[in-house]
């Protein structure tokens, strides 16, 4: 499906530039040639982690060794179908437009940042296009810019759910 969409985009762009587009066969051959020419160095150095009950996000290697995004195992049943429970992303909740009631949702959380808190630190693992951070995922904003939430903007309505000290 992605290859068909790529060809549709290719045809549209070449039509706008008033150039002759490649045939579908030529386009697929060109893509195949490019794929065959790829080497191991072209891809990331991240290695596949063994599958377990908990799966890690794709670009968690950027966040550091301790701060890995983990997919929740909590489930809910909706119309007879079992689904993963989604929670509000902490970064999306801050950046949401004022007219929206909620920010984005995610099934991923940072286990290290959630230690010592009553709830999970839920973070998106996709680029949402937040202002001034358009090419970063919410997890990268939380861990890199906000330094694991220590410098998260205080003007937000986010609650810090630390466990009270006795």
C-alpha atoms as a PDB file:
ATOM      1  CA  UNK A   1       0.000   0.000   0.000  1.00  0.00           C
ATOM      2  CA  UNK A   2       2.847   2.390   0.841  1.00  0.00           C
ATOM      3  CA  UNK A   3       4.527   1.667  -2.500  1.00  0.00           C
ATOM      4  CA  UNK A   4       1.308   2.395  -4.385  1.00  0.00           C
ATOM      5  CA  UNK A   5       0.914   5.651  -2.462  1.00  0.00           C
ATOM      6  CA  UNK A   6       4.544   6.520  -3.233  1.00  0.00           C
ATOM      7  CA  UNK A   7       3.862   6.041  -6.931  1.00  0.00           C
ATOM      8  CA  UNK A   8       0.739   8.215  -6.737  1.00  0.00           C
ATOM      9  CA  UNK A   9       2.754  10.978  -5.058  1.00  0.00           C
ATOM     10  CA  UNK A  10       5.533  10.546  -7.637  1.00  0.00           C
ATOM     11  CA  UNK A  11       3.043  10.871 -10.500  1.00  0.00           C
ATOM     12  CA  UNK A  12       1.446  13.954  -8.936  1.00  0.00           C
ATOM     13  CA  UNK A  13       4.771  15.728  -8.340  1.00  0.00           C
ATOM     14  CA  UNK A  14       6.075  15.005 -11.837  1.00  0.00           C
ATOM     15  CA  UNK A  15       2.769  16.128 -13.325  1.00  0.00           C
ATOM     16  CA  UNK A  16       3.016  19.434 -11.425  1.00  0.00           C
ATOM     17  CA  UNK A  17       6.575  19.901 -12.718  1.00  0.00           C
ATOM     18  CA  UNK A  18       5.328  19.127 -16.232  1.00  0.00           C
ATOM     19  CA  UNK A  19       7.811  16.321 -16.682  1.00  0.00           C
ATOM     20  CA  UNK A  20       7.209  12.820 -17.976  1.00  0.00           C
ATOM     21  CA  UNK A  21       6.535  10.443 -15.106  1.00  0.00           C
ATOM     22  CA  UNK A  22       7.982   6.928 -14.889  1.00  0.00           C
ATOM     23  CA  UNK A  23       5.737   3.991 -15.592  1.00  0.00           C
ATOM     24  CA  UNK A  24       4.628   1.999 -12.573  1.00  0.00           C
ATOM     25  CA  UNK A  25       6.985  -0.837 -13.534  1.00  0.00           C
ATOM     26  CA  UNK A  26       9.943   1.550 -13.975  1.00  0.00           C
ATOM     27  CA  UNK A  27       9.151   3.205 -10.643  1.00  0.00           C
ATOM     28  CA  UNK A  28       9.064  -0.151  -8.824  1.00  0.00           C
ATOM     29  CA  UNK A  29      12.331  -1.200 -10.503  1.00  0.00           C
ATOM     30  CA  UNK A  30      13.945   2.063  -9.415  1.00  0.00           C
ATOM     31  CA  UNK A  31      12.778   1.565  -5.805  1.00  0.00           C
ATOM     32  CA  UNK A  32      13.993  -2.030  -5.830  1.00  0.00           C
ATOM     33  CA  UNK A  33      17.424  -0.975  -7.122  1.00  0.00           C
ATOM     34  CA  UNK A  34      17.698   1.638  -4.365  1.00  0.00           C
ATOM     35  CA  UNK A  35      16.736  -0.911  -1.713  1.00  0.00           C
ATOM     36  CA  UNK A  36      19.273  -3.473  -2.934  1.00  0.00           C
ATOM     37  CA  UNK A  37      22.056  -0.856  -2.816  1.00  0.00           C
ATOM     38  CA  UNK A  38      21.476  -0.189   0.895  1.00  0.00           C
ATOM     39  CA  UNK A  39      24.142  -1.417   3.284  1.00  0.00           C
ATOM     40  CA  UNK A  40      24.097  -2.222   6.969  1.00  0.00           C
ATOM     41  CA  UNK A  41      25.656   1.182   7.718  1.00  0.00           C
ATOM     42  CA  UNK A  42      22.612   2.875   6.190  1.00  0.00           C
ATOM     43  CA  UNK A  43      20.379   1.667   8.986  1.00  0.00           C
ATOM     44  CA  UNK A  44      20.507   2.625  12.648  1.00  0.00           C
ATOM     45  CA  UNK A  45      22.874   0.919  15.030  1.00  0.00           C
ATOM     46  CA  UNK A  46      19.956  -0.071  17.281  1.00  0.00           C
ATOM     47  CA  UNK A  47      19.544  -3.808  17.598  1.00  0.00           C
ATOM     48  CA  UNK A  48      16.317  -5.661  18.029  1.00  0.00           C
ATOM     49  CA  UNK A  49      15.453  -6.339  21.642  1.00  0.00           C
ATOM     50  CA  UNK A  50      13.981  -9.719  22.569  1.00  0.00           C
ATOM     51  CA  UNK A  51      10.188  -9.658  22.615  1.00  0.00           C
ATOM     52  CA  UNK A  52       8.693 -10.024  26.050  1.00  0.00           C
ATOM     53  CA  UNK A  53       5.501  -8.958  27.788  1.00  0.00           C
ATOM     54  CA  UNK A  54       6.769  -5.398  27.497  1.00  0.00           C
ATOM     55  CA  UNK A  55       7.753  -3.987  24.125  1.00  0.00           C
ATOM     56  CA  UNK A  56      10.014  -0.991  23.676  1.00  0.00           C
ATOM     57  CA  UNK A  57       9.399   1.924  21.364  1.00  0.00           C
ATOM     58  CA  UNK A  58      11.276   2.193  18.077  1.00  0.00           C
ATOM     59  CA  UNK A  59      13.444   5.224  18.820  1.00  0.00           C
ATOM     60  CA  UNK A  60      13.978   4.670  22.531  1.00  0.00           C
ATOM     61  CA  UNK A  61      17.732   4.501  21.975  1.00  0.00           C
ATOM     62  CA  UNK A  62      17.764   8.303  21.593  1.00  0.00           C
ATOM     63  CA  UNK A  63      16.453   8.754  25.129  1.00  0.00           C
ATOM     64  CA  UNK A  64      19.295   7.005  26.902  1.00  0.00           C
ATOM     65  CA  UNK A  65      19.917   3.714  28.635  1.00  0.00           C
ATOM     66  CA  UNK A  66      17.755   4.258  31.719  1.00  0.00           C
ATOM     67  CA  UNK A  67      14.822   6.017  30.073  1.00  0.00           C
ATOM     68  CA  UNK A  68      13.199   3.542  27.718  1.00  0.00           C
ATOM     69  CA  UNK A  69       9.636   3.879  26.538  1.00  0.00           C
ATOM     70  CA  UNK A  70       7.677   0.806  27.525  1.00  0.00           C
ATOM     71  CA  UNK A  71       4.291  -0.173  26.164  1.00  0.00           C
ATOM     72  CA  UNK A  72       1.688  -0.717  28.846  1.00  0.00           C
ATOM     73  CA  UNK A  73       0.192  -4.128  29.445  1.00  0.00           C
ATOM     74  CA  UNK A  74      -3.067  -2.725  30.868  1.00  0.00           C
ATOM     75  CA  UNK A  75      -6.028  -3.706  28.743  1.00  0.00           C
ATOM     76  CA  UNK A  76      -9.691  -2.834  28.481  1.00  0.00           C
ATOM     77  CA  UNK A  77     -12.547  -4.522  26.672  1.00  0.00           C
ATOM     78  CA  UNK A  78     -14.459  -2.416  24.152  1.00  0.00           C
ATOM     79  CA  UNK A  79     -17.377  -4.040  22.314  1.00  0.00           C
ATOM     80  CA  UNK A  80     -15.917  -7.467  22.999  1.00  0.00           C
ATOM     81  CA  UNK A  81     -12.449  -6.526  21.687  1.00  0.00           C
ATOM     82  CA  UNK A  82      -9.503  -6.375  24.070  1.00  0.00           C
ATOM     83  CA  UNK A  83      -7.392  -3.230  23.553  1.00  0.00           C
ATOM     84  CA  UNK A  84      -4.420  -1.585  25.245  1.00  0.00           C
ATOM     85  CA  UNK A  85      -5.369   1.189  27.646  1.00  0.00           C
ATOM     86  CA  UNK A  86      -4.398   4.636  26.364  1.00  0.00           C
ATOM     87  CA  UNK A  87      -3.553   7.515  28.667  1.00  0.00           C
ATOM     88  CA  UNK A  88      -3.016  11.239  28.118  1.00  0.00           C
ATOM     89  CA  UNK A  89       0.506  12.173  27.009  1.00  0.00           C
ATOM     90  CA  UNK A  90       2.127  14.637  29.445  1.00  0.00           C
ATOM     91  CA  UNK A  91       3.718  16.717  26.680  1.00  0.00           C
ATOM     92  CA  UNK A  92       0.628  16.766  24.436  1.00  0.00           C
ATOM     93  CA  UNK A  93      -1.459  17.833  27.442  1.00  0.00           C
ATOM     94  CA  UNK A  94       0.754  20.895  27.844  1.00  0.00           C
ATOM     95  CA  UNK A  95       0.865  21.808  24.141  1.00  0.00           C
ATOM     96  CA  UNK A  96      -2.816  21.167  23.381  1.00  0.00           C
ATOM     97  CA  UNK A  97      -4.746  24.097  21.899  1.00  0.00           C
ATOM     98  CA  UNK A  98      -6.904  25.969  24.435  1.00  0.00           C
ATOM     99  CA  UNK A  99     -10.115  24.995  22.661  1.00  0.00           C
ATOM    100  CA  UNK A 100      -9.342  21.271  22.955  1.00  0.00           C
ATOM    101  CA  UNK A 101     -10.316  19.400  26.076  1.00  0.00           C
ATOM    102  CA  UNK A 102      -7.500  16.830  25.909  1.00  0.00           C
ATOM    103  CA  UNK A 103      -4.130  16.324  24.270  1.00  0.00           C
ATOM    104  CA  UNK A 104      -2.905  13.222  22.475  1.00  0.00           C
ATOM    105  CA  UNK A 105      -3.060   9.725  23.893  1.00  0.00           C
ATOM    106  CA  UNK A 106      -0.436   7.010  24.037  1.00  0.00           C
ATOM    107  CA  UNK A 107       0.117   3.462  25.256  1.00  0.00           C
ATOM    108  CA  UNK A 108       3.797   4.137  26.054  1.00  0.00           C
ATOM    109  CA  UNK A 109       5.305   5.336  29.326  1.00  0.00           C
ATOM    110  CA  UNK A 110       8.776   5.895  30.766  1.00  0.00           C
ATOM    111  CA  UNK A 111       9.358   3.364  33.543  1.00  0.00           C
ATOM    112  CA  UNK A 112      12.316   5.279  35.041  1.00  0.00           C
ATOM    113  CA  UNK A 113      10.426   8.608  35.227  1.00  0.00           C
ATOM    114  CA  UNK A 114       7.375   6.833  36.694  1.00  0.00           C
ATOM    115  CA  UNK A 115       9.342   5.548  39.703  1.00  0.00           C
ATOM    116  CA  UNK A 116       8.272   7.308  42.899  1.00  0.00           C
ATOM    117  CA  UNK A 117       5.053   8.622  41.373  1.00  0.00           C
ATOM    118  CA  UNK A 118       1.493   7.397  41.805  1.00  0.00           C
ATOM    119  CA  UNK A 119       0.764   7.366  38.089  1.00  0.00           C
ATOM    120  CA  UNK A 120       2.661   6.605  34.906  1.00  0.00           C
ATOM    121  CA  UNK A 121       4.573   9.255  32.957  1.00  0.00           C
ATOM    122  CA  UNK A 122       2.805   8.636  29.656  1.00  0.00           C
ATOM    123  CA  UNK A 123       4.581   9.931  26.540  1.00  0.00           C
ATOM    124  CA  UNK A 124       3.925   9.723  22.801  1.00  0.00           C
ATOM    125  CA  UNK A 125       6.502   8.083  20.614  1.00  0.00           C
ATOM    126  CA  UNK A 126       5.604  10.000  17.476  1.00  0.00           C
ATOM    127  CA  UNK A 127       6.296  13.443  16.083  1.00  0.00           C
ATOM    128  CA  UNK A 128       3.249  15.618  16.768  1.00  0.00           C
ATOM    129  CA  UNK A 129       4.550  18.937  15.389  1.00  0.00           C
ATOM    130  CA  UNK A 130       4.457  20.911  18.633  1.00  0.00           C
ATOM    131  CA  UNK A 131       5.496  24.569  18.212  1.00  0.00           C
ATOM    132  CA  UNK A 132       9.264  25.185  18.462  1.00  0.00           C
ATOM    133  CA  UNK A 133       9.819  21.403  18.677  1.00  0.00           C
ATOM    134  CA  UNK A 134       8.298  20.299  15.394  1.00  0.00           C
ATOM    135  CA  UNK A 135      10.716  17.475  14.599  1.00  0.00           C
ATOM    136  CA  UNK A 136      10.857  15.910  18.076  1.00  0.00           C
ATOM    137  CA  UNK A 137       8.696  13.230  19.612  1.00  0.00           C
ATOM    138  CA  UNK A 138       6.986  13.931  22.911  1.00  0.00           C
ATOM    139  CA  UNK A 139       9.368  11.490  24.596  1.00  0.00           C
ATOM    140  CA  UNK A 140      12.354  13.447  23.264  1.00  0.00           C
ATOM    141  CA  UNK A 141      10.845  16.751  24.434  1.00  0.00           C
ATOM    142  CA  UNK A 142      10.245  15.298  27.924  1.00  0.00           C
ATOM    143  CA  UNK A 143      13.686  13.711  28.293  1.00  0.00           C
ATOM    144  CA  UNK A 144      15.968  16.062  26.355  1.00  0.00           C
ATOM    145  CA  UNK A 145      14.421  19.542  26.486  1.00  0.00           C
ATOM    146  CA  UNK A 146      12.594  19.212  29.787  1.00  0.00           C
ATOM    147  CA  UNK A 147      15.383  17.025  31.247  1.00  0.00           C
ATOM    148  CA  UNK A 148      13.242  14.103  32.397  1.00  0.00           C
ATOM    149  CA  UNK A 149      10.430  16.436  33.426  1.00  0.00           C
ATOM    150  CA  UNK A 150      12.541  18.470  35.866  1.00  0.00           C
ATOM    151  CA  UNK A 151      12.138  21.588  33.721  1.00  0.00           C
ATOM    152  CA  UNK A 152       8.621  20.929  32.466  1.00  0.00           C
ATOM    153  CA  UNK A 153       6.690  24.198  32.189  1.00  0.00           C
ATOM    154  CA  UNK A 154       4.909  24.932  35.471  1.00  0.00           C
ATOM    155  CA  UNK A 155       2.195  27.073  33.851  1.00  0.00           C
ATOM    156  CA  UNK A 156       0.443  23.911  32.751  1.00  0.00           C
ATOM    157  CA  UNK A 157      -2.360  22.127  34.528  1.00  0.00           C
ATOM    158  CA  UNK A 158      -0.278  18.967  34.919  1.00  0.00           C
ATOM    159  CA  UNK A 159      -0.185  17.441  38.365  1.00  0.00           C
ATOM    160  CA  UNK A 160       3.007  16.044  39.798  1.00  0.00           C
ATOM    161  CA  UNK A 161       1.896  12.773  41.367  1.00  0.00           C
ATOM    162  CA  UNK A 162       4.852  12.139  43.649  1.00  0.00           C
ATOM    163  CA  UNK A 163       4.298   9.869  46.594  1.00  0.00           C
ATOM    164  CA  UNK A 164       4.110  11.917  49.780  1.00  0.00           C
ATOM    165  CA  UNK A 165       7.053  11.473  52.138  1.00  0.00           C
ATOM    166  CA  UNK A 166       6.097  10.331  55.661  1.00  0.00           C
END
